[in-house]
Amino acid sequence: MIDAGKWKSTFGSLTILGVVMSLSGGIAQIALTPGNRTLQISLRQSEDERGKLSENNQTSFRSAISDELLILYDILNLENLGRISLYHDDDVNRKLKLLGQYSRDRRFDEDFTYFCNYDEWALGVAWVRQNGFYFEDNLPMDIESYCQMCVNQWNMNIEVANNLRMKSRTICIRPIKNFNRRKTSALVFESVNSQAFTQERIDELMNQGYEEERMHRLLRRWEGLIPDLNIASREGF
């Protein structure tokens, strides 16, 4: 796992008119509990305002992803103690590449891991051993025990584990699959609190709340708008 401290704070300007138009569609009827359903609909109504971004077709792709992750973050009510990240599979290099990340706490939001190797960290282990799915709660509070768990369970270097600014005690990883049922990306939900959320809550949000479908459409637009990832890389993406 490689920390990207030198990663640029913004991606190169990308043409994402199709992305924003896709995200500003109608609100799906969802089968969540009444309180959560009201919250989700209220947050989704903000897309009418975000749809105005289509007037500027040079919007940062990172901003579009951050908007989506922010909504998921607020629905889960992670306050200042969580983080949600989106990774995309680079199967040629056997790595997962960070596309976007959001946290209310700037320390965690800027604690970027640009790449995650296959079979490393919770994400890499889940990707190659558990078809992309992972959930764990009540991870160690003691720093020494936590770092040793990272080494033993997630194949991490002890120095890298010690330097993690966010030592998550609740973590959930969900793959996003294409129409051929091949996993192409993954969402990582984290919190420094134990029992911050449940596997069932994430499943409800992603399935009954149609958030997985929305994220899938976003990624399809992105892949269509950037056919040559080498160009994006040269622009700092």
Protein backbone atom coordinates (compact mmCIF):
# COMPACT_ATOMS: atom_id res chain seq x y z
CA MET A 1 0.00 0.00 0.00
CA ILE A 2 1.52 3.33 -1.08
CA ASP A 3 0.75 6.64 0.64
CA ALA A 4 0.45 9.45 -1.86
CA GLY A 5 1.43 12.52 0.13
CA LYS A 6 2.43 14.22 -3.08
CA TRP A 7 -0.84 13.47 -4.77
CA LYS A 8 -2.27 16.68 -6.18
CA SER A 9 -5.17 18.13 -4.20
CA THR A 10 -7.32 18.25 -7.30
CA PHE A 11 -7.55 16.02 -10.32
CA GLY A 12 -7.05 17.43 -13.78
CA SER A 13 -10.10 19.10 -15.20
CA LEU A 14 -12.27 16.47 -16.84
CA THR A 15 -15.33 16.80 -19.02
CA ILE A 16 -18.12 15.18 -16.98
CA LEU A 17 -21.28 16.66 -18.37
CA GLY A 18 -22.65 13.15 -18.78
CA VAL A 19 -21.82 12.31 -15.16
CA VAL A 20 -23.67 15.28 -13.71
CA MET A 21 -26.66 14.81 -15.94
CA SER A 22 -26.80 11.17 -14.87
CA LEU A 23 -26.67 12.08 -11.20
CA SER A 24 -29.41 14.70 -11.47
CA GLY A 25 -32.14 12.23 -12.45
CA GLY A 26 -35.33 11.57 -10.52
CA ILE A 27 -35.32 10.24 -6.99
CA ALA A 28 -36.03 6.52 -6.74
CA GLN A 29 -38.69 5.31 -4.36
CA ILE A 30 -36.81 3.45 -1.64
CA ALA A 31 -37.85 0.88 0.95
CA LEU A 32 -35.94 2.19 3.93
CA THR A 33 -37.35 2.96 7.35
CA PRO A 34 -39.42 6.20 7.34
CA GLY A 35 -36.76 8.33 9.03
CA ASN A 36 -33.94 7.15 6.78
CA ARG A 37 -36.15 7.39 3.70
CA THR A 38 -37.01 11.02 4.48
CA LEU A 39 -33.33 11.83 5.03
CA GLN A 40 -32.26 10.18 1.81
CA ILE A 41 -34.91 11.94 -0.26
CA SER A 42 -34.02 15.28 1.33
CA LEU A 43 -30.35 14.81 0.52
CA ARG A 44 -31.10 13.68 -3.01
CA GLN A 45 -33.15 16.82 -3.64
CA SER A 46 -29.88 18.73 -3.44
CA GLU A 47 -29.08 17.20 -6.81
CA ASP A 48 -31.35 19.78 -8.42
CA GLU A 49 -28.85 22.39 -7.31
CA ARG A 50 -25.86 20.25 -8.23
CA GLY A 51 -27.40 19.74 -11.66
CA LYS A 52 -26.60 23.37 -12.38
CA LEU A 53 -22.97 22.26 -12.60
CA SER A 54 -23.83 20.95 -16.04
CA GLU A 55 -23.59 24.55 -17.22
CA ASN A 56 -19.83 24.21 -16.63
CA ASN A 57 -18.61 21.11 -18.44
CA GLN A 58 -15.07 21.37 -17.01
CA THR A 59 -16.02 20.24 -13.51
CA SER A 60 -13.51 18.13 -11.56
CA PHE A 61 -14.37 14.44 -11.52
CA ARG A 62 -13.17 14.33 -7.94
CA SER A 63 -15.82 16.89 -6.97
CA ALA A 64 -18.55 14.78 -8.53
CA ILE A 65 -17.40 11.69 -6.64
CA SER A 66 -17.08 13.67 -3.40
CA ASP A 67 -20.69 14.82 -3.75
CA GLU A 68 -21.85 11.22 -3.95
CA LEU A 69 -19.71 10.10 -1.02
CA LEU A 70 -20.86 13.07 1.07
CA ILE A 71 -24.49 12.00 0.66
CA LEU A 72 -23.69 8.42 1.69
CA TYR A 73 -21.75 9.82 4.65
CA ASP A 74 -24.67 11.95 5.82
CA ILE A 75 -27.21 9.17 5.41
CA LEU A 76 -25.07 6.96 7.66
CA ASN A 77 -24.60 9.87 10.09
CA LEU A 78 -20.87 9.23 10.52
CA GLU A 79 -20.34 12.74 11.95
CA ASN A 80 -16.60 13.53 12.29
CA LEU A 81 -15.51 9.98 12.95
CA GLY A 82 -15.79 8.23 9.61
CA ARG A 83 -14.60 8.05 6.05
CA ILE A 84 -15.94 6.68 2.77
CA SER A 85 -13.62 5.89 -0.14
CA LEU A 86 -14.12 4.71 -3.71
CA TYR A 87 -11.49 2.53 -5.38
CA HIS A 88 -11.34 1.25 -8.96
CA ASP A 89 -9.67 -1.97 -10.07
CA ASP A 90 -6.43 -1.77 -12.05
CA ASP A 91 -6.19 -5.49 -12.77
CA VAL A 92 -3.19 -5.07 -15.08
CA ASN A 93 -1.04 -3.88 -12.16
CA ARG A 94 -3.00 -5.88 -9.56
CA LYS A 95 -3.86 -2.75 -7.59
CA LEU A 96 -6.94 -0.81 -6.58
CA LYS A 97 -6.71 2.89 -7.37
CA LEU A 98 -8.33 5.57 -5.23
CA LEU A 99 -10.87 7.63 -7.18
CA GLY A 100 -12.35 9.67 -4.35
CA GLN A 101 -12.64 9.96 -0.60
CA TYR A 102 -14.73 11.91 1.89
CA SER A 103 -14.59 12.58 5.63
CA ARG A 104 -15.80 15.42 7.81
CA ASP A 105 -12.43 15.28 9.57
CA ARG A 106 -9.82 16.77 7.26
CA ARG A 107 -7.11 14.61 8.80
CA PHE A 108 -8.83 11.52 7.50
CA ASP A 109 -9.92 13.05 4.21
CA GLU A 110 -6.30 13.91 3.41
CA ASP A 111 -4.91 10.57 4.58
CA PHE A 112 -4.93 9.29 1.02
CA THR A 113 -3.80 5.85 0.05
CA TYR A 114 -3.36 6.32 -3.69
CA PHE A 115 -3.03 2.61 -4.44
CA CYS A 116 -3.95 -0.49 -2.50
CA ASN A 117 -2.18 -3.68 -3.56
CA TYR A 118 -4.10 -6.89 -4.01
CA ASP A 119 -4.09 -8.95 -0.80
CA GLU A 120 -3.04 -5.98 1.35
CA TRP A 121 -5.07 -3.97 3.87
CA ALA A 122 -8.71 -4.93 4.43
CA LEU A 123 -9.61 -3.84 0.89
CA GLY A 124 -6.93 -5.88 -0.88
CA VAL A 125 -7.59 -8.95 1.26
CA ALA A 126 -11.33 -8.73 0.57
CA TRP A 127 -10.77 -8.20 -3.14
CA VAL A 128 -8.82 -11.42 -3.71
CA ARG A 129 -10.15 -13.68 -0.95
CA GLN A 130 -13.79 -12.77 -0.34
CA ASN A 131 -15.05 -11.59 -3.74
CA GLY A 132 -14.71 -7.99 -2.63
CA PHE A 133 -16.94 -8.15 0.46
CA TYR A 134 -15.71 -7.49 3.99
CA PHE A 135 -17.12 -6.43 7.35
CA GLU A 136 -15.46 -6.26 10.73
CA ASP A 137 -16.31 -4.56 13.99
CA ASN A 138 -14.72 -4.11 17.40
CA LEU A 139 -11.19 -3.86 16.02
CA PRO A 140 -8.50 -3.25 18.67
CA MET A 141 -8.44 0.11 20.43
CA ASP A 142 -4.87 -0.29 21.67
CA ILE A 143 -2.50 1.06 19.00
CA GLU A 144 0.09 -1.69 19.36
CA SER A 145 -2.56 -4.40 19.10
CA TYR A 146 -4.17 -2.64 16.15
CA CYS A 147 -0.92 -2.42 14.21
CA GLN A 148 -0.11 -6.05 14.90
CA MET A 149 -3.57 -6.99 13.63
CA CYS A 150 -2.82 -5.05 10.43
CA VAL A 151 0.34 -7.10 9.95
CA ASN A 152 -1.17 -10.49 10.76
CA GLN A 153 -4.60 -10.12 9.22
CA TRP A 154 -4.15 -7.58 6.43
CA ASN A 155 -0.55 -8.25 5.29
CA MET A 156 0.54 -4.67 6.00
CA ASN A 157 4.01 -3.40 6.76
CA ILE A 158 4.27 -2.51 10.46
CA GLU A 159 5.63 0.96 9.68
CA VAL A 160 2.75 1.70 7.33
CA ALA A 161 0.28 0.47 9.94
CA ASN A 162 1.83 2.70 12.62
CA ASN A 163 1.57 5.72 10.34
CA LEU A 164 -2.13 5.30 9.57
CA ARG A 165 -3.87 8.44 10.77
CA MET A 166 -7.22 6.68 10.76
CA LYS A 167 -7.16 3.40 12.61
CA SER A 168 -10.68 2.24 11.87
CA ARG A 169 -12.51 0.05 14.37
CA THR A 170 -15.50 -0.56 12.09
CA ILE A 171 -14.96 -1.26 8.40
CA CYS A 172 -17.21 -2.45 5.60
CA ILE A 173 -16.19 -3.05 1.99
CA ARG A 174 -18.66 -3.55 -0.84
CA PRO A 175 -17.69 -4.28 -4.44
CA ILE A 176 -19.49 -2.62 -7.33
CA LYS A 177 -20.07 -4.95 -10.27
CA ASN A 178 -20.75 -4.29 -13.93
CA PHE A 179 -23.54 -5.82 -15.98
CA ASN A 180 -21.41 -8.93 -16.51
CA ARG A 181 -21.28 -9.35 -12.71
CA ARG A 182 -17.55 -8.65 -12.68
CA LYS A 183 -16.39 -6.51 -9.78
CA THR A 184 -14.77 -3.32 -11.05
CA SER A 185 -14.74 -1.00 -8.03
CA ALA A 186 -15.24 -0.98 -4.27
CA LEU A 187 -16.67 1.32 -1.63
CA VAL A 188 -14.91 1.36 1.73
CA PHE A 189 -16.91 2.54 4.77
CA GLU A 190 -14.88 3.22 7.94
CA SER A 191 -15.26 4.67 11.42
CA VAL A 192 -12.86 5.11 14.32
CA ASN A 193 -15.76 4.07 16.57
CA SER A 194 -16.62 0.48 17.28
CA GLN A 195 -20.16 -0.54 16.26
CA ALA A 196 -20.52 2.61 14.17
CA PHE A 197 -22.77 0.80 11.68
CA THR A 198 -23.82 -2.74 10.84
CA GLN A 199 -23.47 -4.89 7.76
CA GLU A 200 -27.26 -4.88 7.48
CA ARG A 201 -27.38 -1.08 7.51
CA ILE A 202 -24.89 -0.84 4.65
CA ASP A 203 -26.77 -3.51 2.69
CA GLU A 204 -30.03 -1.64 3.19
CA LEU A 205 -28.50 1.62 2.04
CA MET A 206 -26.84 0.19 -1.05
CA ASN A 207 -29.59 -2.20 -2.18
CA GLN A 208 -32.96 -0.87 -1.02
CA GLY A 209 -31.76 2.70 -1.27
CA TYR A 210 -30.46 2.16 -4.83
CA GLU A 211 -27.13 3.79 -3.98
CA GLU A 212 -25.14 0.94 -5.50
CA GLU A 213 -27.01 1.37 -8.77
CA ARG A 214 -26.30 5.10 -8.75
CA MET A 215 -22.61 4.53 -8.09
CA HIS A 216 -22.49 1.96 -10.86
CA ARG A 217 -23.94 4.45 -13.36
CA LEU A 218 -21.45 7.09 -12.25
CA LEU A 219 -18.53 4.74 -12.83
CA ARG A 220 -19.85 3.72 -16.24
CA ARG A 221 -19.98 7.37 -17.25
CA TRP A 222 -16.46 7.92 -15.97
CA GLU A 223 -15.07 4.94 -17.87
CA GLY A 224 -16.77 6.16 -21.04
CA LEU A 225 -15.46 9.71 -20.67
CA ILE A 226 -11.88 8.64 -20.02
CA PRO A 227 -11.05 5.94 -22.56
CA ASP A 228 -7.32 6.47 -22.16
CA LEU A 229 -6.30 6.39 -18.49
CA ASN A 230 -2.74 7.31 -19.42
CA ILE A 231 -3.95 10.75 -20.49
CA ALA A 232 -5.73 11.19 -17.16
CA SER A 233 -2.59 10.07 -15.33
CA ARG A 234 -0.48 12.66 -17.10
CA GLU A 235 -2.98 15.30 -15.96
CA GLY A 236 -2.44 14.26 -12.36
CA PHE A 237 -5.43 11.92 -11.97
